[in-house]
Amino acid sequence: MNLYAEHPALQGLSTEQLAELALYGLRYRALGAADVDFSDPSRLDVYWTGERLTKKAVKDASKAARVRNALAEHRSSEAGGVLQALCNCGVIDQETYMAQYQLLLDQHR
């Protein structure tokens, strides 16, 4: 299936559980991939959603494109990947996907 399918830590997980694990990883990355300070209420936001993650990824890509950052193309590709992955997993709906993807396309004009 994929490179990590045989990893012992993933044995017995369903597709949905793997998708949820991937979302936790994306959230961890979106939070800066640092230790989580559980005394900071903003880190414990239970209303974190895939939609908010896509908006942040698109916002970061747009910001990099506006200032002509050397990583602008990378940020745009990364945001596109986040959009595609979350849409394919059913975390965001098609409407959210199309709206955010259109913003990515508009930044190149």
PDB file of N, CA and C in Angstrom:
ATOM      1  N   MET A   1       0.829  -1.194   0.000  1.00  0.00           N
ATOM      2  CA  MET A   1       0.000   0.000   0.000  1.00  0.00           C
ATOM      3  C   MET A   1       0.868   1.250   0.000  1.00  0.00           C
ATOM      4  N   ASN A   2       1.596   1.480   1.069  1.00  0.00           N
ATOM      5  CA  ASN A   2       2.509   2.622   1.092  1.00  0.00           C
ATOM      6  C   ASN A   2       3.732   2.263   1.922  1.00  0.00           C
ATOM      7  N   LEU A   3       4.639   3.168   1.993  1.00  0.00           N
ATOM      8  CA  LEU A   3       5.912   2.944   2.653  1.00  0.00           C
ATOM      9  C   LEU A   3       5.755   2.593   4.133  1.00  0.00           C
ATOM     10  N   TYR A   4       4.758   3.148   4.796  1.00  0.00           N
ATOM     11  CA  TYR A   4       4.611   2.967   6.235  1.00  0.00           C
ATOM     12  C   TYR A   4       3.570   1.919   6.631  1.00  0.00           C
ATOM     13  N   ALA A   5       2.985   1.254   5.661  1.00  0.00           N
ATOM     14  CA  ALA A   5       1.909   0.305   5.957  1.00  0.00           C
ATOM     15  C   ALA A   5       2.362  -0.833   6.863  1.00  0.00           C
ATOM     16  N   GLU A   6       3.632  -1.188   6.805  1.00  0.00           N
ATOM     17  CA  GLU A   6       4.127  -2.307   7.593  1.00  0.00           C
ATOM     18  C   GLU A   6       4.707  -1.875   8.944  1.00  0.00           C
ATOM     19  N   HIS A   7       4.674  -0.583   9.250  1.00  0.00           N
ATOM     20  CA  HIS A   7       5.244  -0.101  10.518  1.00  0.00           C
ATOM     21  C   HIS A   7       4.459  -0.703  11.678  1.00  0.00           C
ATOM     22  N   PRO A   8       5.139  -1.253  12.675  1.00  0.00           N
ATOM     23  CA  PRO A   8       4.455  -1.914  13.793  1.00  0.00           C
ATOM     24  C   PRO A   8       3.463  -1.023  14.541  1.00  0.00           C
ATOM     25  N   ALA A   9       3.754   0.258  14.636  1.00  0.00           N
ATOM     26  CA  ALA A   9       2.865   1.169  15.380  1.00  0.00           C
ATOM     27  C   ALA A   9       1.543   1.378  14.659  1.00  0.00           C
ATOM     28  N   LEU A  10       1.489   1.088  13.367  1.00  0.00           N
ATOM     29  CA  LEU A  10       0.275   1.322  12.585  1.00  0.00           C
ATOM     30  C   LEU A  10      -0.541   0.058  12.349  1.00  0.00           C
ATOM     31  N   GLN A  11      -0.051  -1.075  12.814  1.00  0.00           N
ATOM     32  CA  GLN A  11      -0.755  -2.329  12.601  1.00  0.00           C
ATOM     33  C   GLN A  11      -2.112  -2.324  13.305  1.00  0.00           C
ATOM     34  N   GLY A  12      -3.136  -2.740  12.610  1.00  0.00           N
ATOM     35  CA  GLY A  12      -4.460  -2.842  13.194  1.00  0.00           C
ATOM     36  C   GLY A  12      -5.295  -1.574  13.104  1.00  0.00           C
ATOM     37  N   LEU A  13      -4.744  -0.492  12.579  1.00  0.00           N
ATOM     38  CA  LEU A  13      -5.505   0.746  12.455  1.00  0.00           C
ATOM     39  C   LEU A  13      -6.325   0.726  11.174  1.00  0.00           C
ATOM     40  N   SER A  14      -7.548   1.204  11.270  1.00  0.00           N
ATOM     41  CA  SER A  14      -8.400   1.313  10.086  1.00  0.00           C
ATOM     42  C   SER A  14      -8.006   2.551   9.288  1.00  0.00           C
ATOM     43  N   THR A  15      -8.564   2.672   8.101  1.00  0.00           N
ATOM     44  CA  THR A  15      -8.290   3.831   7.257  1.00  0.00           C
ATOM     45  C   THR A  15      -8.690   5.115   7.962  1.00  0.00           C
ATOM     46  N   GLU A  16      -9.841   5.100   8.637  1.00  0.00           N
ATOM     47  CA  GLU A  16     -10.309   6.290   9.352  1.00  0.00           C
ATOM     48  C   GLU A  16      -9.365   6.657  10.490  1.00  0.00           C
ATOM     49  N   GLN A  17      -8.870   5.650  11.187  1.00  0.00           N
ATOM     50  CA  GLN A  17      -7.941   5.915  12.280  1.00  0.00           C
ATOM     51  C   GLN A  17      -6.620   6.475  11.758  1.00  0.00           C
ATOM     52  N   LEU A  18      -6.160   5.981  10.612  1.00  0.00           N
ATOM     53  CA  LEU A  18      -4.945   6.523  10.012  1.00  0.00           C
ATOM     54  C   LEU A  18      -5.150   7.974   9.590  1.00  0.00           C
ATOM     55  N   ALA A  19      -6.336   8.270   9.031  1.00  0.00           N
ATOM     56  CA  ALA A  19      -6.638   9.653   8.633  1.00  0.00           C
ATOM     57  C   ALA A  19      -6.666  10.562   9.858  1.00  0.00           C
ATOM     58  N   GLU A  20      -7.249  10.078  10.950  1.00  0.00           N
ATOM     59  CA  GLU A  20      -7.299  10.882  12.173  1.00  0.00           C
ATOM     60  C   GLU A  20      -5.894  11.114  12.728  1.00  0.00           C
ATOM     61  N   LEU A  21      -5.060  10.088  12.673  1.00  0.00           N
ATOM     62  CA  LEU A  21      -3.682  10.223  13.115  1.00  0.00           C
ATOM     63  C   LEU A  21      -2.934  11.252  12.258  1.00  0.00           C
ATOM     64  N   ALA A  22      -3.200  11.241  10.958  1.00  0.00           N
ATOM     65  CA  ALA A  22      -2.585  12.218  10.057  1.00  0.00           C
ATOM     66  C   ALA A  22      -3.034  13.633  10.411  1.00  0.00           C
ATOM     67  N   LEU A  23      -4.310  13.788  10.764  1.00  0.00           N
ATOM     68  CA  LEU A  23      -4.808  15.103  11.159  1.00  0.00           C
ATOM     69  C   LEU A  23      -4.146  15.593  12.429  1.00  0.00           C
ATOM     70  N   TYR A  24      -3.921  14.685  13.369  1.00  0.00           N
ATOM     71  CA  TYR A  24      -3.204  15.084  14.582  1.00  0.00           C
ATOM     72  C   TYR A  24      -1.804  15.572  14.234  1.00  0.00           C
ATOM     73  N   GLY A  25      -1.157  14.891  13.294  1.00  0.00           N
ATOM     74  CA  GLY A  25       0.165  15.310  12.859  1.00  0.00           C
ATOM     75  C   GLY A  25       0.140  16.673  12.190  1.00  0.00           C
ATOM     76  N   LEU A  26      -0.874  16.904  11.357  1.00  0.00           N
ATOM     77  CA  LEU A  26      -1.012  18.210  10.704  1.00  0.00           C
ATOM     78  C   LEU A  26      -1.271  19.302  11.729  1.00  0.00           C
ATOM     79  N   ARG A  27      -2.089  18.988  12.733  1.00  0.00           N
ATOM     80  CA  ARG A  27      -2.367  19.988  13.770  1.00  0.00           C
ATOM     81  C   ARG A  27      -1.098  20.306  14.547  1.00  0.00           C
ATOM     82  N   TYR A  28      -0.355  19.268  14.891  1.00  0.00           N
ATOM     83  CA  TYR A  28       0.905  19.460  15.613  1.00  0.00           C
ATOM     84  C   TYR A  28       1.839  20.352  14.809  1.00  0.00           C
ATOM     85  N   ARG A  29       1.893  20.105  13.510  1.00  0.00           N
ATOM     86  CA  ARG A  29       2.745  20.910  12.631  1.00  0.00           C
ATOM     87  C   ARG A  29       2.242  22.344  12.532  1.00  0.00           C
ATOM     88  N   ALA A  30       0.922  22.495  12.460  1.00  0.00           N
ATOM     89  CA  ALA A  30       0.331  23.836  12.367  1.00  0.00           C
ATOM     90  C   ALA A  30       0.575  24.645  13.637  1.00  0.00           C
ATOM     91  N   LEU A  31       0.710  23.954  14.748  1.00  0.00           N
ATOM     92  CA  LEU A  31       0.973  24.629  16.018  1.00  0.00           C
ATOM     93  C   LEU A  31       2.455  24.925  16.225  1.00  0.00           C
ATOM     94  N   GLY A  32       3.264  24.631  15.231  1.00  0.00           N
ATOM     95  CA  GLY A  32       4.680  24.952  15.317  1.00  0.00           C
ATOM     96  C   GLY A  32       5.568  23.771  15.634  1.00  0.00           C
ATOM     97  N   ALA A  33       4.998  22.584  15.729  1.00  0.00           N
ATOM     98  CA  ALA A  33       5.749  21.356  15.991  1.00  0.00           C
ATOM     99  C   ALA A  33       6.653  21.494  17.221  1.00  0.00           C
ATOM    100  N   ALA A  34       6.118  22.100  18.237  1.00  0.00           N
ATOM    101  CA  ALA A  34       6.868  22.270  19.488  1.00  0.00           C
ATOM    102  C   ALA A  34       6.078  21.622  20.627  1.00  0.00           C
ATOM    103  N   ASP A  35       6.699  21.577  21.785  1.00  0.00           N
ATOM    104  CA  ASP A  35       5.983  21.043  22.947  1.00  0.00           C
ATOM    105  C   ASP A  35       4.716  21.850  23.175  1.00  0.00           C
ATOM    106  N   VAL A  36       3.647  21.173  23.527  1.00  0.00           N
ATOM    107  CA  VAL A  36       2.370  21.838  23.753  1.00  0.00           C
ATOM    108  C   VAL A  36       2.292  22.261  25.216  1.00  0.00           C
ATOM    109  N   ASP A  37       2.044  23.531  25.428  1.00  0.00           N
ATOM    110  CA  ASP A  37       1.872  24.073  26.771  1.00  0.00           C
ATOM    111  C   ASP A  37       0.396  23.970  27.117  1.00  0.00           C
ATOM    112  N   PHE A  38       0.038  22.998  27.944  1.00  0.00           N
ATOM    113  CA  PHE A  38      -1.358  22.755  28.249  1.00  0.00           C
ATOM    114  C   PHE A  38      -1.972  23.829  29.143  1.00  0.00           C
ATOM    115  N   SER A  39      -1.162  24.739  29.656  1.00  0.00           N
ATOM    116  CA  SER A  39      -1.712  25.842  30.444  1.00  0.00           C
ATOM    117  C   SER A  39      -2.164  26.986  29.541  1.00  0.00           C
ATOM    118  N   ASP A  40      -1.790  26.939  28.262  1.00  0.00           N
ATOM    119  CA  ASP A  40      -2.189  27.960  27.287  1.00  0.00           C
ATOM    120  C   ASP A  40      -3.511  27.532  26.637  1.00  0.00           C
ATOM    121  N   PRO A  41      -4.615  28.225  26.959  1.00  0.00           N
ATOM    122  CA  PRO A  41      -5.915  27.794  26.458  1.00  0.00           C
ATOM    123  C   PRO A  41      -6.029  27.812  24.935  1.00  0.00           C
ATOM    124  N   SER A  42      -5.257  28.646  24.261  1.00  0.00           N
ATOM    125  CA  SER A  42      -5.351  28.687  22.801  1.00  0.00           C
ATOM    126  C   SER A  42      -4.842  27.384  22.183  1.00  0.00           C
ATOM    127  N   ARG A  43      -3.965  26.683  22.858  1.00  0.00           N
ATOM    128  CA  ARG A  43      -3.448  25.401  22.357  1.00  0.00           C
ATOM    129  C   ARG A  43      -4.446  24.267  22.565  1.00  0.00           C
ATOM    130  N   LEU A  44      -5.421  24.502  23.394  1.00  0.00           N
ATOM    131  CA  LEU A  44      -6.396  23.462  23.706  1.00  0.00           C
ATOM    132  C   LEU A  44      -7.741  23.708  23.038  1.00  0.00           C
ATOM    133  N   ASP A  45      -7.737  24.494  21.992  1.00  0.00           N
ATOM    134  CA  ASP A  45      -8.966  24.853  21.295  1.00  0.00           C
ATOM    135  C   ASP A  45      -9.625  23.599  20.726  1.00  0.00           C
ATOM    136  N   VAL A  46     -10.733  23.207  21.315  1.00  0.00           N
ATOM    137  CA  VAL A  46     -11.406  21.987  20.867  1.00  0.00           C
ATOM    138  C   VAL A  46     -12.174  22.186  19.572  1.00  0.00           C
ATOM    139  N   TYR A  47     -12.231  23.408  19.094  1.00  0.00           N
ATOM    140  CA  TYR A  47     -12.958  23.680  17.859  1.00  0.00           C
ATOM    141  C   TYR A  47     -12.020  23.771  16.665  1.00  0.00           C
ATOM    142  N   TRP A  48     -10.815  23.236  16.814  1.00  0.00           N
ATOM    143  CA  TRP A  48      -9.884  23.187  15.699  1.00  0.00           C
ATOM    144  C   TRP A  48     -10.485  22.300  14.613  1.00  0.00           C
ATOM    145  N   THR A  49     -10.448  22.774  13.401  1.00  0.00           N
ATOM    146  CA  THR A  49     -11.044  22.008  12.303  1.00  0.00           C
ATOM    147  C   THR A  49     -10.120  21.992  11.097  1.00  0.00           C
ATOM    148  N   GLY A  50     -10.421  21.100  10.186  1.00  0.00           N
ATOM    149  CA  GLY A  50      -9.686  21.048   8.933  1.00  0.00           C
ATOM    150  C   GLY A  50      -9.857  22.324   8.136  1.00  0.00           C
ATOM    151  N   GLU A  51     -11.035  22.925   8.259  1.00  0.00           N
ATOM    152  CA  GLU A  51     -11.289  24.177   7.535  1.00  0.00           C
ATOM    153  C   GLU A  51     -10.349  25.281   8.006  1.00  0.00           C
ATOM    154  N   ARG A  52     -10.141  25.358   9.312  1.00  0.00           N
ATOM    155  CA  ARG A  52      -9.226  26.369   9.846  1.00  0.00           C
ATOM    156  C   ARG A  52      -7.792  26.098   9.402  1.00  0.00           C
ATOM    157  N   LEU A  53      -7.417  24.818   9.320  1.00  0.00           N
ATOM    158  CA  LEU A  53      -6.077  24.469   8.864  1.00  0.00           C
ATOM    159  C   LEU A  53      -5.883  24.875   7.406  1.00  0.00           C
ATOM    160  N   THR A  54      -6.891  24.654   6.571  1.00  0.00           N
ATOM    161  CA  THR A  54      -6.763  25.023   5.158  1.00  0.00           C
ATOM    162  C   THR A  54      -6.665  26.539   5.008  1.00  0.00           C
ATOM    163  N   LYS A  55      -7.462  27.256   5.774  1.00  0.00           N
ATOM    164  CA  LYS A  55      -7.405  28.718   5.691  1.00  0.00           C
ATOM    165  C   LYS A  55      -6.036  29.241   6.105  1.00  0.00           C
ATOM    166  N   LYS A  56      -5.446  28.633   7.128  1.00  0.00           N
ATOM    167  CA  LYS A  56      -4.119  29.061   7.576  1.00  0.00           C
ATOM    168  C   LYS A  56      -3.067  28.746   6.514  1.00  0.00           C
ATOM    169  N   ALA A  57      -3.140  27.564   5.913  1.00  0.00           N
ATOM    170  CA  ALA A  57      -2.165  27.186   4.886  1.00  0.00           C
ATOM    171  C   ALA A  57      -2.252  28.119   3.684  1.00  0.00           C
ATOM    172  N   VAL A  58      -3.477  28.440   3.269  1.00  0.00           N
ATOM    173  CA  VAL A  58      -3.663  29.345   2.130  1.00  0.00           C
ATOM    174  C   VAL A  58      -3.204  30.753   2.500  1.00  0.00           C
ATOM    175  N   LYS A  59      -3.486  31.181   3.722  1.00  0.00           N
ATOM    176  CA  LYS A  59      -3.060  32.505   4.170  1.00  0.00           C
ATOM    177  C   LYS A  59      -1.530  32.609   4.167  1.00  0.00           C
ATOM    178  N   ASP A  60      -0.851  31.572   4.665  1.00  0.00           N
ATOM    179  CA  ASP A  60       0.610  31.569   4.682  1.00  0.00           C
ATOM    180  C   ASP A  60       1.174  31.598   3.262  1.00  0.00           C
ATOM    181  N   ALA A  61       0.547  30.844   2.355  1.00  0.00           N
ATOM    182  CA  ALA A  61       1.013  30.822   0.964  1.00  0.00           C
ATOM    183  C   ALA A  61       0.802  32.182   0.304  1.00  0.00           C
ATOM    184  N   SER A  62      -0.342  32.795   0.563  1.00  0.00           N
ATOM    185  CA  SER A  62      -0.634  34.108  -0.019  1.00  0.00           C
ATOM    186  C   SER A  62       0.329  35.168   0.510  1.00  0.00           C
ATOM    187  N   LYS A  63       0.620  35.091   1.797  1.00  0.00           N
ATOM    188  CA  LYS A  63       1.545  36.039   2.414  1.00  0.00           C
ATOM    189  C   LYS A  63       2.935  35.908   1.798  1.00  0.00           C
ATOM    190  N   ALA A  64       3.389  34.676   1.601  1.00  0.00           N
ATOM    191  CA  ALA A  64       4.710  34.448   0.998  1.00  0.00           C
ATOM    192  C   ALA A  64       4.738  34.958  -0.442  1.00  0.00           C
ATOM    193  N   ALA A  65       3.648  34.792  -1.169  1.00  0.00           N
ATOM    194  CA  ALA A  65       3.590  35.252  -2.560  1.00  0.00           C
ATOM    195  C   ALA A  65       3.589  36.782  -2.639  1.00  0.00           C
ATOM    196  N   ARG A  66       2.899  37.438  -1.706  1.00  0.00           N
ATOM    197  CA  ARG A  66       2.831  38.906  -1.723  1.00  0.00           C
ATOM    198  C   ARG A  66       4.196  39.545  -1.511  1.00  0.00           C
ATOM    199  N   VAL A  67       4.990  38.967  -0.635  1.00  0.00           N
ATOM    200  CA  VAL A  67       6.304  39.550  -0.352  1.00  0.00           C
ATOM    201  C   VAL A  67       7.386  38.946  -1.244  1.00  0.00           C
ATOM    202  N   ARG A  68       6.950  38.116  -2.184  1.00  0.00           N
ATOM    203  CA  ARG A  68       7.856  37.465  -3.141  1.00  0.00           C
ATOM    204  C   ARG A  68       8.951  36.674  -2.412  1.00  0.00           C
ATOM    205  N   ASN A  69       8.525  35.958  -1.406  1.00  0.00           N
ATOM    206  CA  ASN A  69       9.404  35.109  -0.623  1.00  0.00           C
ATOM    207  C   ASN A  69       9.964  33.998  -1.513  1.00  0.00           C
ATOM    208  N   ALA A  70      11.193  33.604  -1.255  1.00  0.00           N
ATOM    209  CA  ALA A  70      11.820  32.537  -2.043  1.00  0.00           C
ATOM    210  C   ALA A  70      11.075  31.209  -1.899  1.00  0.00           C
ATOM    211  N   LEU A  71      10.381  31.041  -0.816  1.00  0.00           N
ATOM    212  CA  LEU A  71       9.634  29.805  -0.584  1.00  0.00           C
ATOM    213  C   LEU A  71       8.168  29.906  -1.000  1.00  0.00           C
ATOM    214  N   ALA A  72       7.812  30.931  -1.731  1.00  0.00           N
ATOM    215  CA  ALA A  72       6.411  31.161  -2.086  1.00  0.00           C
ATOM    216  C   ALA A  72       5.822  29.979  -2.850  1.00  0.00           C
ATOM    217  N   GLU A  73       6.558  29.471  -3.812  1.00  0.00           N
ATOM    218  CA  GLU A  73       6.049  28.339  -4.605  1.00  0.00           C
ATOM    219  C   GLU A  73       5.896  27.096  -3.735  1.00  0.00           C
ATOM    220  N   HIS A  74       6.841  26.910  -2.815  1.00  0.00           N
ATOM    221  CA  HIS A  74       6.761  25.779  -1.885  1.00  0.00           C
ATOM    222  C   HIS A  74       5.523  25.895  -0.997  1.00  0.00           C
ATOM    223  N   ARG A  75       5.287  27.078  -0.458  1.00  0.00           N
ATOM    224  CA  ARG A  75       4.120  27.292   0.404  1.00  0.00           C
ATOM    225  C   ARG A  75       2.818  27.046  -0.361  1.00  0.00           C
ATOM    226  N   SER A  76       2.790  27.476  -1.612  1.00  0.00           N
ATOM    227  CA  SER A  76       1.605  27.273  -2.439  1.00  0.00           C
ATOM    228  C   SER A  76       1.366  25.784  -2.679  1.00  0.00           C
ATOM    229  N   SER A  77       2.426  25.063  -2.992  1.00  0.00           N
ATOM    230  CA  SER A  77       2.299  23.610  -3.209  1.00  0.00           C
ATOM    231  C   SER A  77       1.889  22.901  -1.928  1.00  0.00           C
ATOM    232  N   GLU A  78       2.455  23.341  -0.820  1.00  0.00           N
ATOM    233  CA  GLU A  78       2.112  22.752   0.477  1.00  0.00           C
ATOM    234  C   GLU A  78       0.634  22.974   0.797  1.00  0.00           C
ATOM    235  N   ALA A  79       0.154  24.188   0.567  1.00  0.00           N
ATOM    236  CA  ALA A  79      -1.254  24.495   0.825  1.00  0.00           C
ATOM    237  C   ALA A  79      -2.157  23.663  -0.082  1.00  0.00           C
ATOM    238  N   GLY A  80      -1.764  23.514  -1.339  1.00  0.00           N
ATOM    239  CA  GLY A  80      -2.543  22.682  -2.257  1.00  0.00           C
ATOM    240  C   GLY A  80      -2.604  21.239  -1.789  1.00  0.00           C
ATOM    241  N   GLY A  81      -1.491  20.739  -1.269  1.00  0.00           N
ATOM    242  CA  GLY A  81      -1.457  19.375  -0.739  1.00  0.00           C
ATOM    243  C   GLY A  81      -2.342  19.208   0.484  1.00  0.00           C
ATOM    244  N   VAL A  82      -2.323  20.197   1.360  1.00  0.00           N
ATOM    245  CA  VAL A  82      -3.184  20.155   2.554  1.00  0.00           C
ATOM    246  C   VAL A  82      -4.655  20.140   2.131  1.00  0.00           C
ATOM    247  N   LEU A  83      -4.995  21.013   1.183  1.00  0.00           N
ATOM    248  CA  LEU A  83      -6.373  21.062   0.682  1.00  0.00           C
ATOM    249  C   LEU A  83      -6.794  19.717   0.107  1.00  0.00           C
ATOM    250  N   GLN A  84      -5.953  19.168  -0.747  1.00  0.00           N
ATOM    251  CA  GLN A  84      -6.285  17.902  -1.403  1.00  0.00           C
ATOM    252  C   GLN A  84      -6.430  16.770  -0.392  1.00  0.00           C
ATOM    253  N   ALA A  85      -5.491  16.684   0.546  1.00  0.00           N
ATOM    254  CA  ALA A  85      -5.526  15.605   1.539  1.00  0.00           C
ATOM    255  C   ALA A  85      -6.773  15.690   2.411  1.00  0.00           C
ATOM    256  N   LEU A  86      -7.086  16.875   2.901  1.00  0.00           N
ATOM    257  CA  LEU A  86      -8.235  17.009   3.789  1.00  0.00           C
ATOM    258  C   LEU A  86      -9.549  16.800   3.045  1.00  0.00           C
ATOM    259  N   CYS A  87      -9.600  17.192   1.782  1.00  0.00           N
ATOM    260  CA  CYS A  87     -10.805  16.961   0.989  1.00  0.00           C
ATOM    261  C   CYS A  87     -10.966  15.471   0.713  1.00  0.00           C
ATOM    262  N   ASN A  88      -9.881  14.796   0.350  1.00  0.00           N
ATOM    263  CA  ASN A  88      -9.941  13.360   0.066  1.00  0.00           C
ATOM    264  C   ASN A  88     -10.321  12.546   1.294  1.00  0.00           C
ATOM    265  N   CYS A  89      -9.924  13.010   2.477  1.00  0.00           N
ATOM    266  CA  CYS A  89     -10.272  12.305   3.723  1.00  0.00           C
ATOM    267  C   CYS A  89     -11.683  12.653   4.195  1.00  0.00           C
ATOM    268  N   GLY A  90     -12.312  13.619   3.548  1.00  0.00           N
ATOM    269  CA  GLY A  90     -13.659  14.005   3.938  1.00  0.00           C
ATOM    270  C   GLY A  90     -13.699  14.938   5.132  1.00  0.00           C
ATOM    271  N   VAL A  91     -12.558  15.547   5.472  1.00  0.00           N
ATOM    272  CA  VAL A  91     -12.507  16.444   6.617  1.00  0.00           C
ATOM    273  C   VAL A  91     -13.082  17.808   6.255  1.00  0.00           C
ATOM    274  N   ILE A  92     -12.847  18.239   5.017  1.00  0.00           N
ATOM    275  CA  ILE A  92     -13.457  19.485   4.530  1.00  0.00           C
ATOM    276  C   ILE A  92     -14.357  19.138   3.359  1.00  0.00           C
ATOM    277  N   ASP A  93     -15.351  19.953   3.142  1.00  0.00           N
ATOM    278  CA  ASP A  93     -16.276  19.686   2.040  1.00  0.00           C
ATOM    279  C   ASP A  93     -15.749  20.282   0.732  1.00  0.00           C
ATOM    280  N   GLN A  94     -16.403  19.919  -0.358  1.00  0.00           N
ATOM    281  CA  GLN A  94     -15.982  20.374  -1.684  1.00  0.00           C
ATOM    282  C   GLN A  94     -16.052  21.893  -1.807  1.00  0.00           C
ATOM    283  N   GLU A  95     -17.037  22.502  -1.173  1.00  0.00           N
ATOM    284  CA  GLU A  95     -17.205  23.959  -1.227  1.00  0.00           C
ATOM    285  C   GLU A  95     -16.001  24.679  -0.594  1.00  0.00           C
ATOM    286  N   THR A  96     -15.586  24.208   0.573  1.00  0.00           N
ATOM    287  CA  THR A  96     -14.422  24.786   1.243  1.00  0.00           C
ATOM    288  C   THR A  96     -13.170  24.577   0.393  1.00  0.00           C
ATOM    289  N   TYR A  97     -13.039  23.368  -0.152  1.00  0.00           N
ATOM    290  CA  TYR A  97     -11.891  23.066  -1.007  1.00  0.00           C
ATOM    291  C   TYR A  97     -11.818  24.034  -2.177  1.00  0.00           C
ATOM    292  N   MET A  98     -12.931  24.200  -2.885  1.00  0.00           N
ATOM    293  CA  MET A  98     -12.932  25.055  -4.078  1.00  0.00           C
ATOM    294  C   MET A  98     -12.663  26.517  -3.727  1.00  0.00           C
ATOM    295  N   ALA A  99     -13.245  26.997  -2.622  1.00  0.00           N
ATOM    296  CA  ALA A  99     -13.049  28.396  -2.229  1.00  0.00           C
ATOM    297  C   ALA A  99     -11.584  28.663  -1.906  1.00  0.00           C
ATOM    298  N   GLN A 100     -10.968  27.773  -1.138  1.00  0.00           N
ATOM    299  CA  GLN A 100      -9.572  27.971  -0.760  1.00  0.00           C
ATOM    300  C   GLN A 100      -8.633  27.755  -1.949  1.00  0.00           C
ATOM    301  N   TYR A 101      -8.963  26.799  -2.813  1.00  0.00           N
ATOM    302  CA  TYR A 101      -8.135  26.562  -3.990  1.00  0.00           C
ATOM    303  C   TYR A 101      -8.181  27.768  -4.929  1.00  0.00           C
ATOM    304  N   GLN A 102      -9.347  28.381  -5.032  1.00  0.00           N
ATOM    305  CA  GLN A 102      -9.470  29.574  -5.868  1.00  0.00           C
ATOM    306  C   GLN A 102      -8.592  30.705  -5.334  1.00  0.00           C
ATOM    307  N   LEU A 103      -8.522  30.838  -4.016  1.00  0.00           N
ATOM    308  CA  LEU A 103      -7.629  31.843  -3.418  1.00  0.00           C
ATOM    309  C   LEU A 103      -6.170  31.566  -3.774  1.00  0.00           C
ATOM    310  N   LEU A 104      -5.793  30.284  -3.789  1.00  0.00           N
ATOM    311  CA  LEU A 104      -4.430  29.934  -4.179  1.00  0.00           C
ATOM    312  C   LEU A 104      -4.167  30.312  -5.634  1.00  0.00           C
ATOM    313  N   LEU A 105      -5.135  30.046  -6.498  1.00  0.00           N
ATOM    314  CA  LEU A 105      -4.977  30.391  -7.912  1.00  0.00           C
ATOM    315  C   LEU A 105      -4.896  31.901  -8.102  1.00  0.00           C
ATOM    316  N   ASP A 106      -5.695  32.642  -7.361  1.00  0.00           N
ATOM    317  CA  ASP A 106      -5.732  34.108  -7.495  1.00  0.00           C
ATOM    318  C   ASP A 106      -4.426  34.767  -7.072  1.00  0.00           C
ATOM    319  N   GLN A 107      -3.681  34.151  -6.176  1.00  0.00           N
ATOM    320  CA  GLN A 107      -2.440  34.763  -5.698  1.00  0.00           C
ATOM    321  C   GLN A 107      -1.376  34.798  -6.790  1.00  0.00           C
ATOM    322  N   HIS A 108      -1.512  33.967  -7.818  1.00  0.00           N
ATOM    323  CA  HIS A 108      -0.517  33.940  -8.896  1.00  0.00           C
ATOM    324  C   HIS A 108      -0.837  34.930 -10.013  1.00  0.00           C
ATOM    325  N   ARG A 109      -1.920  35.643  -9.891  1.00  0.00           N
ATOM    326  CA  ARG A 109      -2.302  36.597 -10.940  1.00  0.00           C
ATOM    327  C   ARG A 109      -1.767  37.961 -10.656  1.00  0.00           C
TER     328      ARG A 109
END
